[in-house]
């Protein structure tokens, strides 16, 4: 029964992680398992690796020692939780890809409403709101908007054109040789490196209540790439992403423990500012350009193409806000209690 409950909670967290604006960390708090997850992750360390390697090399008693450690460290719970989350991501990715392609404005409006109401979570966790927290919040907000504005529409179009040219070059190489082996040299290693970095940052954000890892992917311009890789079973991209996510999760969970213990309020205020700044990028109405078969959504515009589009966006925004408010009411008071227990570890 514990395994079934863990899988179901993992499903909810997986769905939350695939939606830009909904924080898996926040949902873990509301489900009452945030501290349990952090504690379990802290046991994926050098000792865990030593026991795993000992089992691989068939050392005497290694099998029993490894599984005893897994049980004592609550890693079975972490495994069932991860299985539920992974399954939910695989099943929901195609739906969100379709929604973003066919109902872009309404989808982004939904995300906008989610983020707008989620801002309250990290802010409520603050135990002090001095000028330091205000400066950290403003700095993060300005940084996020600045990053969004740093890439012009022309640069985005140029990037898409280069990507299209690379795809056409791969197709031409396959047509000449009859196999995909000839295109190995055209692998975009720079893009894979960028996806690895995005995975590290995204999984790090997922550790934090109130900060959406999917939004980090959206902000860095790889959210649609990852959705496409999941739907098309692109194991190269997924493998690179998994490596970055795994390494980032193990490293950042410890770093965040240190930051939250030593400068909790400034850290959470900075994260709040990131979310506020993200609202600019999530604005649903944007300029549109077509490059090949790819539709590009560029800089924000303060008008909509039709009254129907505006109404659909408004309804989607309200629905997103209502969902966040519902989660907040369901877990009222639990966030602060869980944070205090984490900081006392």
Protein backbone atom coordinates (compact mmCIF):
# COMPACT_ATOMS: atom_id res chain seq x y z
CA UNK A 1 0.00 0.00 0.00
CA UNK A 2 2.87 2.41 0.79
CA UNK A 3 4.31 1.74 -2.66
CA UNK A 4 0.97 2.45 -4.37
CA UNK A 5 0.56 5.71 -2.45
CA UNK A 6 4.14 6.72 -3.32
CA UNK A 7 3.54 6.00 -7.03
CA UNK A 8 0.31 8.05 -7.03
CA UNK A 9 2.06 10.97 -5.34
CA UNK A 10 4.86 10.62 -7.90
CA UNK A 11 2.28 10.85 -10.70
CA UNK A 12 1.03 14.17 -9.31
CA UNK A 13 4.58 15.51 -8.95
CA UNK A 14 5.45 14.34 -12.47
CA UNK A 15 2.46 16.18 -13.93
CA UNK A 16 3.44 19.27 -11.94
CA UNK A 17 7.02 19.11 -13.21
CA UNK A 18 5.99 19.01 -16.87
CA UNK A 19 3.87 22.17 -16.51
CA UNK A 20 5.86 25.43 -16.59
CA UNK A 21 4.84 27.41 -13.54
CA UNK A 22 3.91 24.52 -11.25
CA UNK A 23 6.66 23.57 -8.84
CA UNK A 24 7.19 19.91 -8.06
CA UNK A 25 8.78 21.02 -4.79
CA UNK A 26 5.66 22.97 -3.85
CA UNK A 27 3.46 19.96 -4.60
CA UNK A 28 5.76 17.76 -2.50
CA UNK A 29 5.23 20.19 0.38
CA UNK A 30 1.48 20.12 -0.07
CA UNK A 31 1.51 16.32 -0.18
CA UNK A 32 3.53 16.26 3.05
CA UNK A 33 6.55 14.40 1.62
CA UNK A 34 9.08 17.19 0.97
CA UNK A 35 11.27 16.48 4.02
CA UNK A 36 11.10 12.73 3.37
CA UNK A 37 12.33 13.26 -0.21
CA UNK A 38 15.18 15.56 0.87
CA UNK A 39 16.23 13.11 3.60
CA UNK A 40 16.20 10.20 1.16
CA UNK A 41 18.24 12.14 -1.41
CA UNK A 42 20.86 12.93 1.23
CA UNK A 43 21.57 9.19 1.46
CA UNK A 44 22.45 8.90 -2.24
CA UNK A 45 26.09 9.58 -1.44
CA UNK A 46 29.53 8.00 -1.46
CA UNK A 47 28.48 5.20 0.84
CA UNK A 48 25.60 4.33 -1.47
CA UNK A 49 27.97 4.14 -4.45
CA UNK A 50 30.49 2.01 -2.54
CA UNK A 51 27.80 -0.50 -1.56
CA UNK A 52 26.44 -0.57 -5.11
CA UNK A 53 29.91 -1.19 -6.57
CA UNK A 54 30.58 -3.92 -4.01
CA UNK A 55 27.39 -5.65 -5.15
CA UNK A 56 28.39 -5.31 -8.82
CA UNK A 57 31.75 -6.99 -8.09
CA UNK A 58 30.01 -9.82 -6.18
CA UNK A 59 31.74 -9.22 -2.86
CA UNK A 60 30.62 -11.43 -0.02
CA UNK A 61 27.63 -10.01 1.84
CA UNK A 62 27.44 -7.03 -0.51
CA UNK A 63 23.94 -7.85 -1.81
CA UNK A 64 22.40 -7.94 1.66
CA UNK A 65 24.34 -4.85 2.81
CA UNK A 66 23.18 -2.85 -0.22
CA UNK A 67 19.48 -3.65 0.12
CA UNK A 68 19.63 -3.09 3.88
CA UNK A 69 21.06 0.37 3.22
CA UNK A 70 18.35 1.06 0.62
CA UNK A 71 15.62 0.14 3.09
CA UNK A 72 17.13 2.06 6.02
CA UNK A 73 17.69 5.19 3.86
CA UNK A 74 14.07 5.12 2.59
CA UNK A 75 15.31 4.82 -0.99
CA UNK A 76 12.49 2.42 -1.88
CA UNK A 77 10.10 5.33 -1.34
CA UNK A 78 12.25 7.54 -3.56
CA UNK A 79 12.27 4.85 -6.26
CA UNK A 80 8.48 4.38 -6.27
CA UNK A 81 8.01 8.17 -6.28
CA UNK A 82 10.38 8.51 -9.23
CA UNK A 83 8.64 5.71 -11.12
CA UNK A 84 5.27 7.45 -10.77
CA UNK A 85 6.73 10.80 -11.83
CA UNK A 86 8.50 9.31 -14.87
CA UNK A 87 5.36 7.51 -15.99
CA UNK A 88 3.27 10.66 -15.69
CA UNK A 89 5.81 12.67 -17.71
CA UNK A 90 5.85 10.08 -20.50
CA UNK A 91 2.05 9.98 -20.69
CA UNK A 92 1.41 13.73 -20.37
CA UNK A 93 4.18 15.07 -22.62
CA UNK A 94 2.32 14.37 -25.86
CA UNK A 95 -0.80 16.14 -24.54
CA UNK A 96 1.12 19.27 -23.58
CA UNK A 97 3.03 19.29 -26.86
CA UNK A 98 -0.31 19.21 -28.71
CA UNK A 99 -1.81 21.96 -26.54
CA UNK A 100 1.21 24.23 -26.98
CA UNK A 101 1.16 23.70 -30.74
CA UNK A 102 -2.57 24.12 -31.35
CA UNK A 103 -3.63 26.42 -28.50
CA UNK A 104 -0.48 28.38 -27.75
CA UNK A 105 -2.00 31.55 -26.30
CA UNK A 106 -4.42 29.71 -24.02
CA UNK A 107 -1.66 27.30 -22.87
CA UNK A 108 0.69 30.14 -21.99
CA UNK A 109 -2.15 31.98 -20.27
CA UNK A 110 -2.74 28.85 -18.17
CA UNK A 111 0.96 28.82 -17.24
CA UNK A 112 0.80 32.57 -16.52
CA UNK A 113 -2.04 32.04 -14.04
CA UNK A 114 -0.17 29.17 -12.39
CA UNK A 115 3.01 31.19 -11.90
CA UNK A 116 1.18 34.35 -10.82
CA UNK A 117 -0.49 32.55 -7.93
CA UNK A 118 2.51 30.34 -7.14
CA UNK A 119 4.59 33.42 -6.29
CA UNK A 120 2.98 33.47 -2.87
CA UNK A 121 4.57 30.14 -1.82
CA UNK A 122 8.26 31.11 -1.57
CA UNK A 123 7.29 34.58 -0.26
CA UNK A 124 5.19 33.11 2.54
CA UNK A 125 8.15 30.98 3.62
CA UNK A 126 10.21 34.07 4.51
CA UNK A 127 10.72 34.68 8.21
CA UNK A 128 12.12 38.17 7.55
CA UNK A 129 11.38 40.76 4.88
CA UNK A 130 14.10 43.39 5.12
CA UNK A 131 15.84 45.46 2.46
CA UNK A 132 18.15 42.51 1.71
CA UNK A 133 15.22 40.35 0.65
CA UNK A 134 13.74 43.18 -1.42
CA UNK A 135 17.07 43.74 -3.22
CA UNK A 136 17.43 40.01 -3.92
CA UNK A 137 13.87 39.86 -5.27
CA UNK A 138 14.33 42.89 -7.55
CA UNK A 139 17.72 41.67 -8.76
CA UNK A 140 16.29 38.29 -9.73
CA UNK A 141 13.28 39.83 -11.47
CA UNK A 142 15.45 42.22 -13.50
CA UNK A 143 17.86 39.39 -14.33
CA UNK A 144 15.06 37.16 -15.63
CA UNK A 145 13.49 39.86 -17.80
CA UNK A 146 16.94 40.88 -19.01
CA UNK A 147 17.70 37.31 -20.12
CA UNK A 148 14.39 37.19 -21.97
CA UNK A 149 15.17 40.45 -23.77
CA UNK A 150 18.81 39.56 -24.47
CA UNK A 151 17.86 37.38 -27.45
CA UNK A 152 16.24 39.39 -30.21
CA UNK A 153 13.55 38.15 -32.57
CA UNK A 154 16.08 38.18 -35.42
CA UNK A 155 18.45 35.97 -33.43
CA UNK A 156 15.66 33.50 -32.64
CA UNK A 157 14.73 33.31 -36.33
CA UNK A 158 18.39 32.88 -37.31
CA UNK A 159 18.79 30.07 -34.79
CA UNK A 160 15.72 28.29 -36.18
CA UNK A 161 17.03 28.69 -39.74
CA UNK A 162 20.39 27.16 -38.76
CA UNK A 163 18.56 24.28 -37.08
CA UNK A 164 16.49 23.76 -40.23
CA UNK A 165 19.63 23.80 -42.38
CA UNK A 166 21.26 21.19 -40.11
CA UNK A 167 18.17 18.98 -40.36
CA UNK A 168 18.17 19.26 -44.14
CA UNK A 169 21.90 18.43 -44.23
CA UNK A 170 21.27 15.29 -42.17
CA UNK A 171 18.43 14.27 -44.48
CA UNK A 172 20.64 14.81 -47.54
CA UNK A 173 23.44 12.72 -46.03
CA UNK A 174 21.01 9.88 -45.32
CA UNK A 175 19.68 10.08 -48.89
CA UNK A 176 23.23 9.78 -50.33
CA UNK A 177 24.50 6.95 -48.11
CA UNK A 178 21.23 5.18 -47.36
CA UNK A 179 22.03 5.05 -43.64
CA UNK A 180 22.06 7.41 -40.69
CA UNK A 181 25.75 6.66 -39.95
CA UNK A 182 26.93 9.40 -42.26
CA UNK A 183 25.27 12.09 -40.21
CA UNK A 184 27.13 11.25 -37.00
CA UNK A 185 29.56 14.05 -37.71
CA UNK A 186 26.68 16.54 -37.85
CA UNK A 187 25.61 15.91 -34.27
CA UNK A 188 25.19 19.27 -32.56
CA UNK A 189 27.42 18.69 -29.53
CA UNK A 190 27.09 22.30 -28.51
CA UNK A 191 23.32 21.90 -28.32
CA UNK A 192 23.67 18.70 -26.30
CA UNK A 193 26.00 20.50 -23.89
CA UNK A 194 23.45 23.28 -23.52
CA UNK A 195 20.71 20.71 -22.83
CA UNK A 196 22.94 19.12 -20.17
CA UNK A 197 23.36 22.53 -18.49
CA UNK A 198 19.62 23.22 -18.75
CA UNK A 199 18.91 19.84 -17.11
CA UNK A 200 21.24 20.67 -14.21
CA UNK A 201 19.54 24.03 -13.63
CA UNK A 202 16.01 22.68 -14.14
CA UNK A 203 16.35 19.78 -11.72
CA UNK A 204 17.95 22.15 -9.24
CA UNK A 205 14.92 24.43 -9.49
CA UNK A 206 12.61 21.46 -8.97
CA UNK A 207 14.15 20.96 -5.52
CA UNK A 208 12.82 24.38 -4.50
CA UNK A 209 9.18 24.88 -3.56
CA UNK A 210 7.72 27.66 -5.66
CA UNK A 211 10.19 27.37 -8.55
CA UNK A 212 9.22 25.38 -11.64
CA UNK A 213 11.91 23.31 -13.34
CA UNK A 214 9.87 23.23 -16.56
CA UNK A 215 9.80 27.00 -16.54
CA UNK A 216 13.62 27.03 -16.37
CA UNK A 217 13.63 24.83 -19.47
CA UNK A 218 11.15 27.18 -21.13
CA UNK A 219 13.26 30.21 -20.22
CA UNK A 220 16.41 28.56 -21.61
CA UNK A 221 14.63 27.63 -24.84
CA UNK A 222 14.79 23.83 -24.58
CA UNK A 223 11.32 23.00 -23.17
CA UNK A 224 9.88 22.10 -26.58
CA UNK A 225 13.07 20.18 -27.46
CA UNK A 226 12.67 17.98 -24.38
CA UNK A 227 8.95 17.43 -25.04
CA UNK A 228 9.79 16.47 -28.60
CA UNK A 229 12.57 14.12 -27.45
CA UNK A 230 10.15 12.37 -25.07
CA UNK A 231 7.46 11.99 -27.73
CA UNK A 232 9.90 10.93 -30.48
CA UNK A 233 11.97 8.68 -28.18
CA UNK A 234 15.19 10.60 -28.95
CA UNK A 235 17.39 8.64 -26.55
CA UNK A 236 20.50 10.73 -27.23
CA UNK A 237 18.85 13.93 -26.04
CA UNK A 238 17.02 12.12 -23.23
CA UNK A 239 20.24 10.44 -22.10
CA UNK A 240 22.12 13.74 -21.95
CA UNK A 241 19.21 15.32 -20.11
CA UNK A 242 19.06 12.42 -17.63
CA UNK A 243 22.79 12.70 -16.90
CA UNK A 244 22.49 16.43 -16.25
CA UNK A 245 19.37 15.98 -14.13
CA UNK A 246 20.88 13.18 -12.05
CA UNK A 247 24.12 15.04 -11.38
CA UNK A 248 22.32 18.31 -10.70
CA UNK A 249 19.88 16.68 -8.30
CA UNK A 250 22.60 15.09 -6.18
CA UNK A 251 24.80 18.19 -6.15
CA UNK A 252 22.12 20.86 -5.78
CA UNK A 253 20.15 19.15 -3.02
CA UNK A 254 23.23 19.48 -0.83
CA UNK A 255 24.03 23.02 -1.99
CA UNK A 256 20.47 24.13 -1.35
CA UNK A 257 20.61 22.62 2.12
CA UNK A 258 23.64 24.82 2.80
CA UNK A 259 22.11 27.97 1.27
CA UNK A 260 18.79 27.52 3.03
CA UNK A 261 20.52 26.91 6.36
CA UNK A 262 22.79 29.97 6.09
CA UNK A 263 20.79 32.51 4.08
CA UNK A 264 17.27 31.14 3.87
CA UNK A 265 15.37 34.41 3.46
CA UNK A 266 17.64 35.91 0.79
CA UNK A 267 17.61 32.64 -1.19
CA UNK A 268 13.84 32.36 -1.15
CA UNK A 269 13.40 36.05 -1.98
CA UNK A 270 15.71 35.59 -4.98
CA UNK A 271 13.60 32.65 -6.15
CA UNK A 272 10.46 34.74 -5.74
CA UNK A 273 12.01 37.39 -7.96
CA UNK A 274 12.81 34.80 -10.63
CA UNK A 275 9.15 33.84 -10.71
CA UNK A 276 7.99 37.45 -10.94
CA UNK A 277 10.37 38.10 -13.81
CA UNK A 278 9.22 34.96 -15.57
CA UNK A 279 5.76 36.44 -16.09
CA UNK A 280 7.14 38.51 -18.96
CA UNK A 281 8.27 35.38 -20.83
CA UNK A 282 4.96 33.63 -20.13
CA UNK A 283 2.80 36.44 -21.51
CA UNK A 284 0.45 34.57 -23.89
CA UNK A 285 0.30 36.99 -26.83
CA UNK A 286 3.46 37.04 -28.98
CA UNK A 287 4.71 37.84 -32.45
CA UNK A 288 4.72 34.78 -34.68
CA UNK A 289 7.12 33.71 -37.44
CA UNK A 290 7.29 30.55 -39.55
CA UNK A 291 10.60 28.82 -40.35
CA UNK A 292 10.01 25.70 -42.39
CA UNK A 293 7.40 23.67 -40.55
CA UNK A 294 8.31 25.25 -37.18
CA UNK A 295 6.20 28.05 -35.72
CA UNK A 296 8.23 30.54 -33.68
CA UNK A 297 6.70 32.61 -30.90
CA UNK A 298 8.84 35.70 -30.48
CA UNK A 299 8.61 38.84 -28.35
CA UNK A 300 5.51 39.75 -26.39
CA UNK A 301 2.83 42.00 -27.84
CA UNK A 302 0.13 43.75 -25.83
CA UNK A 303 -2.74 42.90 -28.17
CA UNK A 304 -4.53 39.76 -29.31
CA UNK A 305 -5.54 38.57 -32.73
CA UNK A 306 -9.24 38.07 -31.91
CA UNK A 307 -11.79 38.44 -29.14
CA UNK A 308 -12.17 34.65 -28.99
CA UNK A 309 -8.43 34.23 -28.39
CA UNK A 310 -8.54 36.81 -25.60
CA UNK A 311 -11.50 35.13 -23.89
CA UNK A 312 -9.88 31.67 -24.14
CA UNK A 313 -6.66 33.05 -22.66
CA UNK A 314 -8.51 34.74 -19.80
CA UNK A 315 -10.43 31.55 -18.96
CA UNK A 316 -7.22 29.48 -19.07
CA UNK A 317 -5.47 31.99 -16.81
CA UNK A 318 -8.28 31.82 -14.27
CA UNK A 319 -8.24 28.01 -14.36
CA UNK A 320 -4.49 28.00 -13.67
CA UNK A 321 -4.93 30.38 -10.77
CA UNK A 322 -7.78 28.31 -9.31
CA UNK A 323 -5.66 25.13 -9.43
CA UNK A 324 -2.86 26.77 -7.45
CA UNK A 325 -5.30 28.21 -4.92
CA UNK A 326 -6.86 24.75 -4.53
CA UNK A 327 -3.47 23.21 -3.77
CA UNK A 328 -2.77 26.00 -1.31
CA UNK A 329 -6.02 25.42 0.56
CA UNK A 330 -5.42 21.65 0.59
CA UNK A 331 -2.00 22.04 2.21
CA UNK A 332 -2.55 25.16 4.31
CA UNK A 333 0.19 25.57 6.90
CA UNK A 334 2.10 22.50 5.79
CA UNK A 335 4.74 24.43 3.82
CA UNK A 336 6.04 26.33 6.83
CA UNK A 337 6.05 23.26 9.05
CA UNK A 338 7.99 21.25 6.48
CA UNK A 339 10.52 24.04 5.92
CA UNK A 340 11.18 24.39 9.62
CA UNK A 341 11.81 20.63 9.89
CA UNK A 342 14.17 20.76 6.90
CA UNK A 343 16.19 23.59 8.42
CA UNK A 344 16.51 21.74 11.71
CA UNK A 345 18.08 18.69 10.09
